[in-house]
Structure formats: C-alpha cells, structure tokens
ModelCIF file with pLDDT and N, C-alpha, C, O atoms, coordinates in Angstrom:
data_MODEL
#
_entry.id   MODEL 
#
_entity.id                         1 
_entity.type                       polymer 
_entity.pdbx_number_of_molecules   1 
#
_entity_poly.entity_id                      1 
_entity_poly.type                           'polypeptide(L)' 
_entity_poly.nstd_linkage                   no 
_entity_poly.nstd_monomer                   no 
_entity_poly.pdbx_seq_one_letter_code       IGHTHNERTWSPSHGQPLSHEGYAELFETIEPRIFGEAGL 
_entity_poly.pdbx_seq_one_letter_code_can   IGHTHNERTWSPSHGQPLSHEGYAELFETIEPRIFGEAGL 
_entity_poly.pdbx_strand_id                 A 
#
loop_
_entity_poly_seq.entity_id 
_entity_poly_seq.num 
_entity_poly_seq.mon_id 
_entity_poly_seq.hetero 
1 1  ILE n 
1 2  GLY n 
1 3  HIS n 
1 4  THR n 
1 5  HIS n 
1 6  ASN n 
1 7  GLU n 
1 8  ARG n 
1 9  THR n 
1 10 TRP n 
1 11 SER n 
1 12 PRO n 
1 13 SER n 
1 14 HIS n 
1 15 GLY n 
1 16 GLN n 
1 17 PRO n 
1 18 LEU n 
1 19 SER n 
1 20 HIS n 
1 21 GLU n 
1 22 GLY n 
1 23 TYR n 
1 24 ALA n 
1 25 GLU n 
1 26 LEU n 
1 27 PHE n 
1 28 GLU n 
1 29 THR n 
1 30 ILE n 
1 31 GLU n 
1 32 PRO n 
1 33 ARG n 
1 34 ILE n 
1 35 PHE n 
1 36 GLY n 
1 37 GLU n 
1 38 ALA n 
1 39 GLY n 
1 40 LEU n 
#
_struct_asym.id          A 
_struct_asym.entity_id   1 
#
loop_
_ma_qa_metric.id 
_ma_qa_metric.mode 
_ma_qa_metric.name 
_ma_qa_metric.software_group_id 
_ma_qa_metric.type 
1 global pLDDT . pLDDT 
2 local  pLDDT . pLDDT 
#
_ma_qa_metric_global.metric_id      1 
_ma_qa_metric_global.metric_value   95.70 
_ma_qa_metric_global.model_id       1 
_ma_qa_metric_global.ordinal_id     1 
#
loop_
_ma_qa_metric_local.label_asym_id 
_ma_qa_metric_local.label_comp_id 
_ma_qa_metric_local.label_seq_id 
_ma_qa_metric_local.metric_id 
_ma_qa_metric_local.metric_value 
_ma_qa_metric_local.model_id 
_ma_qa_metric_local.ordinal_id 
A ILE 1  2 98.00 1 1  
A GLY 2  2 98.00 1 2  
A HIS 3  2 98.00 1 3  
A THR 4  2 98.00 1 4  
A HIS 5  2 98.00 1 5  
A ASN 6  2 98.00 1 6  
A GLU 7  2 97.00 1 7  
A ARG 8  2 97.00 1 8  
A THR 9  2 96.00 1 9  
A TRP 10 2 89.00 1 10 
A SER 11 2 85.00 1 11 
A PRO 12 2 82.00 1 12 
A SER 13 2 83.00 1 13 
A HIS 14 2 85.00 1 14 
A GLY 15 2 93.00 1 15 
A GLN 16 2 96.00 1 16 
A PRO 17 2 97.00 1 17 
A LEU 18 2 98.00 1 18 
A SER 19 2 98.00 1 19 
A HIS 20 2 98.00 1 20 
A GLU 21 2 98.00 1 21 
A GLY 22 2 98.00 1 22 
A TYR 23 2 98.00 1 23 
A ALA 24 2 98.00 1 24 
A GLU 25 2 98.00 1 25 
A LEU 26 2 98.00 1 26 
A PHE 27 2 97.00 1 27 
A GLU 28 2 95.00 1 28 
A THR 29 2 94.00 1 29 
A ILE 30 2 95.00 1 30 
A GLU 31 2 95.00 1 31 
A PRO 32 2 98.00 1 32 
A ARG 33 2 98.00 1 33 
A ILE 34 2 98.00 1 34 
A PHE 35 2 98.00 1 35 
A GLY 36 2 98.00 1 36 
A GLU 37 2 98.00 1 37 
A ALA 38 2 98.00 1 38 
A GLY 39 2 98.00 1 39 
A LEU 40 2 98.00 1 40 
#
loop_
_atom_site.group_PDB 
_atom_site.id 
_atom_site.type_symbol 
_atom_site.label_atom_id 
_atom_site.label_alt_id 
_atom_site.label_comp_id 
_atom_site.label_asym_id 
_atom_site.label_entity_id 
_atom_site.label_seq_id 
_atom_site.pdbx_PDB_ins_code 
_atom_site.Cartn_x 
_atom_site.Cartn_y 
_atom_site.Cartn_z 
_atom_site.occupancy 
_atom_site.B_iso_or_equiv 
_atom_site.pdbx_formal_charge 
_atom_site.auth_seq_id 
_atom_site.auth_comp_id 
_atom_site.auth_asym_id 
_atom_site.auth_atom_id 
_atom_site.pdbx_PDB_model_num 
ATOM 1   N N  . ILE A 1 1  ? -73.000 151.553 -67.918 1.00 98.00 ? 1  ILE A N  1 
ATOM 2   C CA . ILE A 1 1  ? -72.144 152.284 -66.977 1.00 98.00 ? 1  ILE A CA 1 
ATOM 3   C C  . ILE A 1 1  ? -71.250 153.184 -67.827 1.00 98.00 ? 1  ILE A C  1 
ATOM 4   O O  . ILE A 1 1  ? -70.372 152.712 -68.549 1.00 98.00 ? 1  ILE A O  1 
ATOM 5   N N  . GLY A 1 2  ? -71.494 154.485 -67.725 1.00 98.00 ? 2  GLY A N  1 
ATOM 6   C CA . GLY A 1 2  ? -70.793 155.445 -68.551 1.00 98.00 ? 2  GLY A CA 1 
ATOM 7   C C  . GLY A 1 2  ? -69.713 156.195 -67.830 1.00 98.00 ? 2  GLY A C  1 
ATOM 8   O O  . GLY A 1 2  ? -69.825 156.427 -66.627 1.00 98.00 ? 2  GLY A O  1 
ATOM 9   N N  . HIS A 1 3  ? -68.684 156.578 -68.516 1.00 98.00 ? 3  HIS A N  1 
ATOM 10  C CA . HIS A 1 3  ? -67.547 157.366 -68.010 1.00 98.00 ? 3  HIS A CA 1 
ATOM 11  C C  . HIS A 1 3  ? -67.090 156.872 -66.637 1.00 98.00 ? 3  HIS A C  1 
ATOM 12  O O  . HIS A 1 3  ? -67.150 157.578 -65.630 1.00 98.00 ? 3  HIS A O  1 
ATOM 13  N N  . THR A 1 4  ? -66.633 155.626 -66.656 1.00 98.00 ? 4  THR A N  1 
ATOM 14  C CA . THR A 1 4  ? -66.016 155.106 -65.436 1.00 98.00 ? 4  THR A CA 1 
ATOM 15  C C  . THR A 1 4  ? -64.478 155.082 -65.711 1.00 98.00 ? 4  THR A C  1 
ATOM 16  O O  . THR A 1 4  ? -64.049 154.643 -66.777 1.00 98.00 ? 4  THR A O  1 
ATOM 17  N N  . HIS A 1 5  ? -63.691 155.541 -64.772 1.00 98.00 ? 5  HIS A N  1 
ATOM 18  C CA . HIS A 1 5  ? -62.273 155.720 -65.005 1.00 98.00 ? 5  HIS A CA 1 
ATOM 19  C C  . HIS A 1 5  ? -61.513 154.403 -65.174 1.00 98.00 ? 5  HIS A C  1 
ATOM 20  O O  . HIS A 1 5  ? -61.965 153.343 -64.742 1.00 98.00 ? 5  HIS A O  1 
ATOM 21  N N  . ASN A 1 6  ? -60.384 154.501 -65.794 1.00 98.00 ? 6  ASN A N  1 
ATOM 22  C CA . ASN A 1 6  ? -59.571 153.319 -66.136 1.00 98.00 ? 6  ASN A CA 1 
ATOM 23  C C  . ASN A 1 6  ? -58.386 153.276 -65.177 1.00 98.00 ? 6  ASN A C  1 
ATOM 24  O O  . ASN A 1 6  ? -57.651 154.252 -65.028 1.00 98.00 ? 6  ASN A O  1 
ATOM 25  N N  . GLU A 1 7  ? -58.219 152.140 -64.541 1.00 97.00 ? 7  GLU A N  1 
ATOM 26  C CA . GLU A 1 7  ? -57.109 151.989 -63.593 1.00 97.00 ? 7  GLU A CA 1 
ATOM 27  C C  . GLU A 1 7  ? -55.748 152.243 -64.240 1.00 97.00 ? 7  GLU A C  1 
ATOM 28  O O  . GLU A 1 7  ? -54.815 152.633 -63.538 1.00 97.00 ? 7  GLU A O  1 
ATOM 29  N N  . ARG A 1 8  ? -55.600 152.041 -65.541 1.00 97.00 ? 8  ARG A N  1 
ATOM 30  C CA . ARG A 1 8  ? -54.303 152.086 -66.198 1.00 97.00 ? 8  ARG A CA 1 
ATOM 31  C C  . ARG A 1 8  ? -53.963 153.455 -66.763 1.00 97.00 ? 8  ARG A C  1 
ATOM 32  O O  . ARG A 1 8  ? -52.918 153.614 -67.394 1.00 97.00 ? 8  ARG A O  1 
ATOM 33  N N  . THR A 1 9  ? -54.811 154.436 -66.556 1.00 96.00 ? 9  THR A N  1 
ATOM 34  C CA . THR A 1 9  ? -54.479 155.816 -66.972 1.00 96.00 ? 9  THR A CA 1 
ATOM 35  C C  . THR A 1 9  ? -54.791 156.766 -65.825 1.00 96.00 ? 9  THR A C  1 
ATOM 36  O O  . THR A 1 9  ? -55.516 156.435 -64.887 1.00 96.00 ? 9  THR A O  1 
ATOM 37  N N  . TRP A 1 10 ? -54.220 157.950 -65.935 1.00 89.00 ? 10 TRP A N  1 
ATOM 38  C CA . TRP A 1 10 ? -54.409 158.946 -64.878 1.00 89.00 ? 10 TRP A CA 1 
ATOM 39  C C  . TRP A 1 10 ? -55.639 159.794 -65.155 1.00 89.00 ? 10 TRP A C  1 
ATOM 40  O O  . TRP A 1 10 ? -55.973 160.064 -66.309 1.00 89.00 ? 10 TRP A O  1 
ATOM 41  N N  . SER A 1 11 ? -56.307 160.209 -64.094 1.00 85.00 ? 11 SER A N  1 
ATOM 42  C CA . SER A 1 11 ? -57.471 161.117 -64.197 1.00 85.00 ? 11 SER A CA 1 
ATOM 43  C C  . SER A 1 11 ? -57.405 162.109 -63.046 1.00 85.00 ? 11 SER A C  1 
ATOM 44  O O  . SER A 1 11 ? -56.927 161.771 -61.963 1.00 85.00 ? 11 SER A O  1 
ATOM 45  N N  . PRO A 1 12 ? -57.886 163.348 -63.272 1.00 82.00 ? 12 PRO A N  1 
ATOM 46  C CA . PRO A 1 12 ? -57.847 164.353 -62.174 1.00 82.00 ? 12 PRO A CA 1 
ATOM 47  C C  . PRO A 1 12 ? -58.657 163.927 -60.948 1.00 82.00 ? 12 PRO A C  1 
ATOM 48  O O  . PRO A 1 12 ? -58.345 164.330 -59.828 1.00 82.00 ? 12 PRO A O  1 
ATOM 49  N N  . SER A 1 13 ? -59.693 163.114 -61.158 1.00 83.00 ? 13 SER A N  1 
ATOM 50  C CA . SER A 1 13 ? -60.520 162.658 -60.021 1.00 83.00 ? 13 SER A CA 1 
ATOM 51  C C  . SER A 1 13 ? -60.670 161.122 -60.111 1.00 83.00 ? 13 SER A C  1 
ATOM 52  O O  . SER A 1 13 ? -61.726 160.625 -60.503 1.00 83.00 ? 13 SER A O  1 
ATOM 53  N N  . HIS A 1 14 ? -59.636 160.394 -59.756 1.00 85.00 ? 14 HIS A N  1 
ATOM 54  C CA . HIS A 1 14 ? -59.445 159.019 -60.180 1.00 85.00 ? 14 HIS A CA 1 
ATOM 55  C C  . HIS A 1 14 ? -60.497 158.084 -59.529 1.00 85.00 ? 14 HIS A C  1 
ATOM 56  O O  . HIS A 1 14 ? -61.035 157.215 -60.214 1.00 85.00 ? 14 HIS A O  1 
ATOM 57  N N  . GLY A 1 15 ? -60.795 158.244 -58.237 1.00 93.00 ? 15 GLY A N  1 
ATOM 58  C CA . GLY A 1 15 ? -61.661 157.321 -57.562 1.00 93.00 ? 15 GLY A CA 1 
ATOM 59  C C  . GLY A 1 15 ? -60.965 156.003 -57.290 1.00 93.00 ? 15 GLY A C  1 
ATOM 60  O O  . GLY A 1 15 ? -59.763 155.977 -57.024 1.00 93.00 ? 15 GLY A O  1 
ATOM 61  N N  . GLN A 1 16 ? -61.716 154.898 -57.356 1.00 96.00 ? 16 GLN A N  1 
ATOM 62  C CA . GLN A 1 16 ? -61.175 153.541 -57.187 1.00 96.00 ? 16 GLN A CA 1 
ATOM 63  C C  . GLN A 1 16 ? -61.507 152.731 -58.444 1.00 96.00 ? 16 GLN A C  1 
ATOM 64  O O  . GLN A 1 16 ? -62.340 151.826 -58.395 1.00 96.00 ? 16 GLN A O  1 
ATOM 65  N N  . PRO A 1 17 ? -60.859 153.053 -59.570 1.00 97.00 ? 17 PRO A N  1 
ATOM 66  C CA . PRO A 1 17 ? -61.248 152.381 -60.843 1.00 97.00 ? 17 PRO A CA 1 
ATOM 67  C C  . PRO A 1 17 ? -60.668 151.011 -60.969 1.00 97.00 ? 17 PRO A C  1 
ATOM 68  O O  . PRO A 1 17 ? -59.799 150.625 -60.187 1.00 97.00 ? 17 PRO A O  1 
ATOM 69  N N  . LEU A 1 18 ? -61.145 150.249 -61.963 1.00 98.00 ? 18 LEU A N  1 
ATOM 70  C CA . LEU A 1 18 ? -60.625 148.943 -62.314 1.00 98.00 ? 18 LEU A CA 1 
ATOM 71  C C  . LEU A 1 18 ? -60.070 149.019 -63.762 1.00 98.00 ? 18 LEU A C  1 
ATOM 72  O O  . LEU A 1 18 ? -60.273 150.012 -64.461 1.00 98.00 ? 18 LEU A O  1 
ATOM 73  N N  . SER A 1 19 ? -59.386 147.979 -64.178 1.00 98.00 ? 19 SER A N  1 
ATOM 74  C CA . SER A 1 19 ? -59.028 147.807 -65.548 1.00 98.00 ? 19 SER A CA 1 
ATOM 75  C C  . SER A 1 19 ? -60.234 147.352 -66.339 1.00 98.00 ? 19 SER A C  1 
ATOM 76  O O  . SER A 1 19 ? -61.265 147.019 -65.755 1.00 98.00 ? 19 SER A O  1 
ATOM 77  N N  . HIS A 1 20 ? -60.125 147.331 -67.684 1.00 98.00 ? 20 HIS A N  1 
ATOM 78  C CA . HIS A 1 20 ? -61.286 146.865 -68.457 1.00 98.00 ? 20 HIS A CA 1 
ATOM 79  C C  . HIS A 1 20 ? -61.579 145.372 -68.183 1.00 98.00 ? 20 HIS A C  1 
ATOM 80  O O  . HIS A 1 20 ? -62.735 144.950 -68.217 1.00 98.00 ? 20 HIS A O  1 
ATOM 81  N N  . GLU A 1 21 ? -60.526 144.579 -67.913 1.00 98.00 ? 21 GLU A N  1 
ATOM 82  C CA . GLU A 1 21 ? -60.752 143.177 -67.564 1.00 98.00 ? 21 GLU A CA 1 
ATOM 83  C C  . GLU A 1 21 ? -61.508 143.069 -66.213 1.00 98.00 ? 21 GLU A C  1 
ATOM 84  O O  . GLU A 1 21 ? -62.400 142.238 -66.043 1.00 98.00 ? 21 GLU A O  1 
ATOM 85  N N  . GLY A 1 22 ? -61.107 143.953 -65.255 1.00 98.00 ? 22 GLY A N  1 
ATOM 86  C CA . GLY A 1 22 ? -61.745 143.948 -63.957 1.00 98.00 ? 22 GLY A CA 1 
ATOM 87  C C  . GLY A 1 22 ? -63.203 144.314 -64.044 1.00 98.00 ? 22 GLY A C  1 
ATOM 88  O O  . GLY A 1 22 ? -64.041 143.706 -63.378 1.00 98.00 ? 22 GLY A O  1 
ATOM 89  N N  . TYR A 1 23 ? -63.524 145.322 -64.874 1.00 98.00 ? 23 TYR A N  1 
ATOM 90  C CA . TYR A 1 23 ? -64.907 145.708 -65.065 1.00 98.00 ? 23 TYR A CA 1 
ATOM 91  C C  . TYR A 1 23 ? -65.719 144.560 -65.695 1.00 98.00 ? 23 TYR A C  1 
ATOM 92  O O  . TYR A 1 23 ? -66.849 144.295 -65.283 1.00 98.00 ? 23 TYR A O  1 
ATOM 93  N N  . ALA A 1 24 ? -65.130 143.884 -66.695 1.00 98.00 ? 24 ALA A N  1 
ATOM 94  C CA . ALA A 1 24 ? -65.866 142.827 -67.377 1.00 98.00 ? 24 ALA A CA 1 
ATOM 95  C C  . ALA A 1 24 ? -66.219 141.694 -66.431 1.00 98.00 ? 24 ALA A C  1 
ATOM 96  O O  . ALA A 1 24 ? -67.276 141.078 -66.565 1.00 98.00 ? 24 ALA A O  1 
ATOM 97  N N  . GLU A 1 25 ? -65.332 141.412 -65.467 1.00 98.00 ? 25 GLU A N  1 
ATOM 98  C CA . GLU A 1 25 ? -65.572 140.287 -64.570 1.00 98.00 ? 25 GLU A CA 1 
ATOM 99  C C  . GLU A 1 25 ? -66.627 140.591 -63.501 1.00 98.00 ? 25 GLU A C  1 
ATOM 100 O O  . GLU A 1 25 ? -67.026 139.691 -62.762 1.00 98.00 ? 25 GLU A O  1 
ATOM 101 N N  . LEU A 1 26 ? -67.078 141.828 -63.410 1.00 98.00 ? 26 LEU A N  1 
ATOM 102 C CA . LEU A 1 26 ? -68.146 142.123 -62.422 1.00 98.00 ? 26 LEU A CA 1 
ATOM 103 C C  . LEU A 1 26 ? -69.472 141.530 -62.876 1.00 98.00 ? 26 LEU A C  1 
ATOM 104 O O  . LEU A 1 26 ? -70.337 141.270 -62.040 1.00 98.00 ? 26 LEU A O  1 
ATOM 105 N N  . PHE A 1 27 ? -69.661 141.308 -64.174 1.00 97.00 ? 27 PHE A N  1 
ATOM 106 C CA . PHE A 1 27 ? -70.962 140.925 -64.692 1.00 97.00 ? 27 PHE A CA 1 
ATOM 107 C C  . PHE A 1 27 ? -71.036 139.389 -64.746 1.00 97.00 ? 27 PHE A C  1 
ATOM 108 O O  . PHE A 1 27 ? -70.121 138.722 -65.229 1.00 97.00 ? 27 PHE A O  1 
ATOM 109 N N  . GLU A 1 28 ? -72.155 138.851 -64.234 1.00 95.00 ? 28 GLU A N  1 
ATOM 110 C CA . GLU A 1 28 ? -72.305 137.409 -64.125 1.00 95.00 ? 28 GLU A CA 1 
ATOM 111 C C  . GLU A 1 28 ? -73.421 136.876 -65.005 1.00 95.00 ? 28 GLU A C  1 
ATOM 112 O O  . GLU A 1 28 ? -73.353 135.718 -65.418 1.00 95.00 ? 28 GLU A O  1 
ATOM 113 N N  . THR A 1 29 ? -74.417 137.640 -65.303 1.00 94.00 ? 29 THR A N  1 
ATOM 114 C CA . THR A 1 29 ? -75.582 137.127 -66.050 1.00 94.00 ? 29 THR A CA 1 
ATOM 115 C C  . THR A 1 29 ? -75.720 137.706 -67.463 1.00 94.00 ? 29 THR A C  1 
ATOM 116 O O  . THR A 1 29 ? -76.407 137.126 -68.304 1.00 94.00 ? 29 THR A O  1 
ATOM 117 N N  . ILE A 1 30 ? -75.075 138.840 -67.725 1.00 95.00 ? 30 ILE A N  1 
ATOM 118 C CA . ILE A 1 30 ? -75.160 139.469 -69.049 1.00 95.00 ? 30 ILE A CA 1 
ATOM 119 C C  . ILE A 1 30 ? -73.723 139.831 -69.461 1.00 95.00 ? 30 ILE A C  1 
ATOM 120 O O  . ILE A 1 30 ? -73.027 140.521 -68.717 1.00 95.00 ? 30 ILE A O  1 
ATOM 121 N N  . GLU A 1 31 ? -73.286 139.382 -70.607 1.00 95.00 ? 31 GLU A N  1 
ATOM 122 C CA . GLU A 1 31 ? -71.925 139.690 -71.045 1.00 95.00 ? 31 GLU A CA 1 
ATOM 123 C C  . GLU A 1 31 ? -71.832 141.152 -71.492 1.00 95.00 ? 31 GLU A C  1 
ATOM 124 O O  . GLU A 1 31 ? -72.620 141.588 -72.331 1.00 95.00 ? 31 GLU A O  1 
ATOM 125 N N  . PRO A 1 32 ? -70.870 141.922 -70.936 1.00 98.00 ? 32 PRO A N  1 
ATOM 126 C CA . PRO A 1 32 ? -70.729 143.318 -71.304 1.00 98.00 ? 32 PRO A CA 1 
ATOM 127 C C  . PRO A 1 32 ? -69.833 143.541 -72.510 1.00 98.00 ? 32 PRO A C  1 
ATOM 128 O O  . PRO A 1 32 ? -68.985 142.711 -72.837 1.00 98.00 ? 32 PRO A O  1 
ATOM 129 N N  . ARG A 1 33 ? -70.034 144.670 -73.160 1.00 98.00 ? 33 ARG A N  1 
ATOM 130 C CA . ARG A 1 33 ? -69.088 145.162 -74.167 1.00 98.00 ? 33 ARG A CA 1 
ATOM 131 C C  . ARG A 1 33 ? -68.528 146.481 -73.679 1.00 98.00 ? 33 ARG A C  1 
ATOM 132 O O  . ARG A 1 33 ? -69.280 147.340 -73.218 1.00 98.00 ? 33 ARG A O  1 
ATOM 133 N N  . ILE A 1 34 ? -67.248 146.651 -73.771 1.00 98.00 ? 34 ILE A N  1 
ATOM 134 C CA . ILE A 1 34 ? -66.592 147.827 -73.199 1.00 98.00 ? 34 ILE A CA 1 
ATOM 135 C C  . ILE A 1 34 ? -66.004 148.677 -74.315 1.00 98.00 ? 34 ILE A C  1 
ATOM 136 O O  . ILE A 1 34 ? -65.375 148.160 -75.239 1.00 98.00 ? 34 ILE A O  1 
ATOM 137 N N  . PHE A 1 35 ? -66.214 149.976 -74.221 1.00 98.00 ? 35 PHE A N  1 
ATOM 138 C CA . PHE A 1 35 ? -65.800 150.919 -75.238 1.00 98.00 ? 35 PHE A CA 1 
ATOM 139 C C  . PHE A 1 35 ? -64.834 151.964 -74.617 1.00 98.00 ? 35 PHE A C  1 
ATOM 140 O O  . PHE A 1 35 ? -65.043 152.412 -73.490 1.00 98.00 ? 35 PHE A O  1 
ATOM 141 N N  . GLY A 1 36 ? -63.791 152.339 -75.360 1.00 98.00 ? 36 GLY A N  1 
ATOM 142 C CA . GLY A 1 36 ? -63.016 153.495 -74.971 1.00 98.00 ? 36 GLY A CA 1 
ATOM 143 C C  . GLY A 1 36 ? -63.786 154.774 -75.271 1.00 98.00 ? 36 GLY A C  1 
ATOM 144 O O  . GLY A 1 36 ? -64.314 154.959 -76.367 1.00 98.00 ? 36 GLY A O  1 
ATOM 145 N N  . GLU A 1 37 ? -63.838 155.648 -74.278 1.00 98.00 ? 37 GLU A N  1 
ATOM 146 C CA . GLU A 1 37 ? -64.708 156.827 -74.476 1.00 98.00 ? 37 GLU A CA 1 
ATOM 147 C C  . GLU A 1 37 ? -64.177 157.776 -75.547 1.00 98.00 ? 37 GLU A C  1 
ATOM 148 O O  . GLU A 1 37 ? -64.949 158.550 -76.112 1.00 98.00 ? 37 GLU A O  1 
ATOM 149 N N  . ALA A 1 38 ? -62.896 157.734 -75.834 1.00 98.00 ? 38 ALA A N  1 
ATOM 150 C CA . ALA A 1 38 ? -62.335 158.661 -76.849 1.00 98.00 ? 38 ALA A CA 1 
ATOM 151 C C  . ALA A 1 38 ? -62.951 158.398 -78.222 1.00 98.00 ? 38 ALA A C  1 
ATOM 152 O O  . ALA A 1 38 ? -63.234 159.343 -78.959 1.00 98.00 ? 38 ALA A O  1 
ATOM 153 N N  . GLY A 1 39 ? -63.159 157.142 -78.573 1.00 98.00 ? 39 GLY A N  1 
ATOM 154 C CA . GLY A 1 39 ? -63.794 156.851 -79.883 1.00 98.00 ? 39 GLY A CA 1 
ATOM 155 C C  . GLY A 1 39 ? -65.190 157.327 -79.935 1.00 98.00 ? 39 GLY A C  1 
ATOM 156 O O  . GLY A 1 39 ? -65.622 157.869 -80.952 1.00 98.00 ? 39 GLY A O  1 
ATOM 157 N N  . LEU A 1 40 ? -65.939 157.142 -78.842 1.00 98.00 ? 40 LEU A N  1 
ATOM 158 C CA . LEU A 1 40 ? -67.350 157.608 -78.821 1.00 98.00 ? 40 LEU A CA 1 
ATOM 159 C C  . LEU A 1 40 ? -67.373 159.131 -78.916 1.00 98.00 ? 40 LEU A C  1 
ATOM 160 O O  . LEU A 1 40 ? -68.447 159.733 -78.916 1.00 98.00 ? 40 LEU A O  1 
#
C-alpha cells in the first residue's frame, strides 16, 4: 500500500487516513512494515 496519508499530518487531499498504528492493525495474517515516504 503506497502513498497512503497519515492521520497525524496535513495533506491537500487528506481523505480518511489512519495513524501508522491504525494501519498496522488492519493486517491479520501478514505482519506489515511501515515506512515514512520522505526517506524513500
């Protein structure tokens, strides 16, 4: 899942984002790793 917005920062087209903890909890069978896009 690429370029999904972060609930804790502002974006011009925000949508309905989650925090990184919220995104991690969506996954039940495969553990995710989450990256800040700025470093990439």
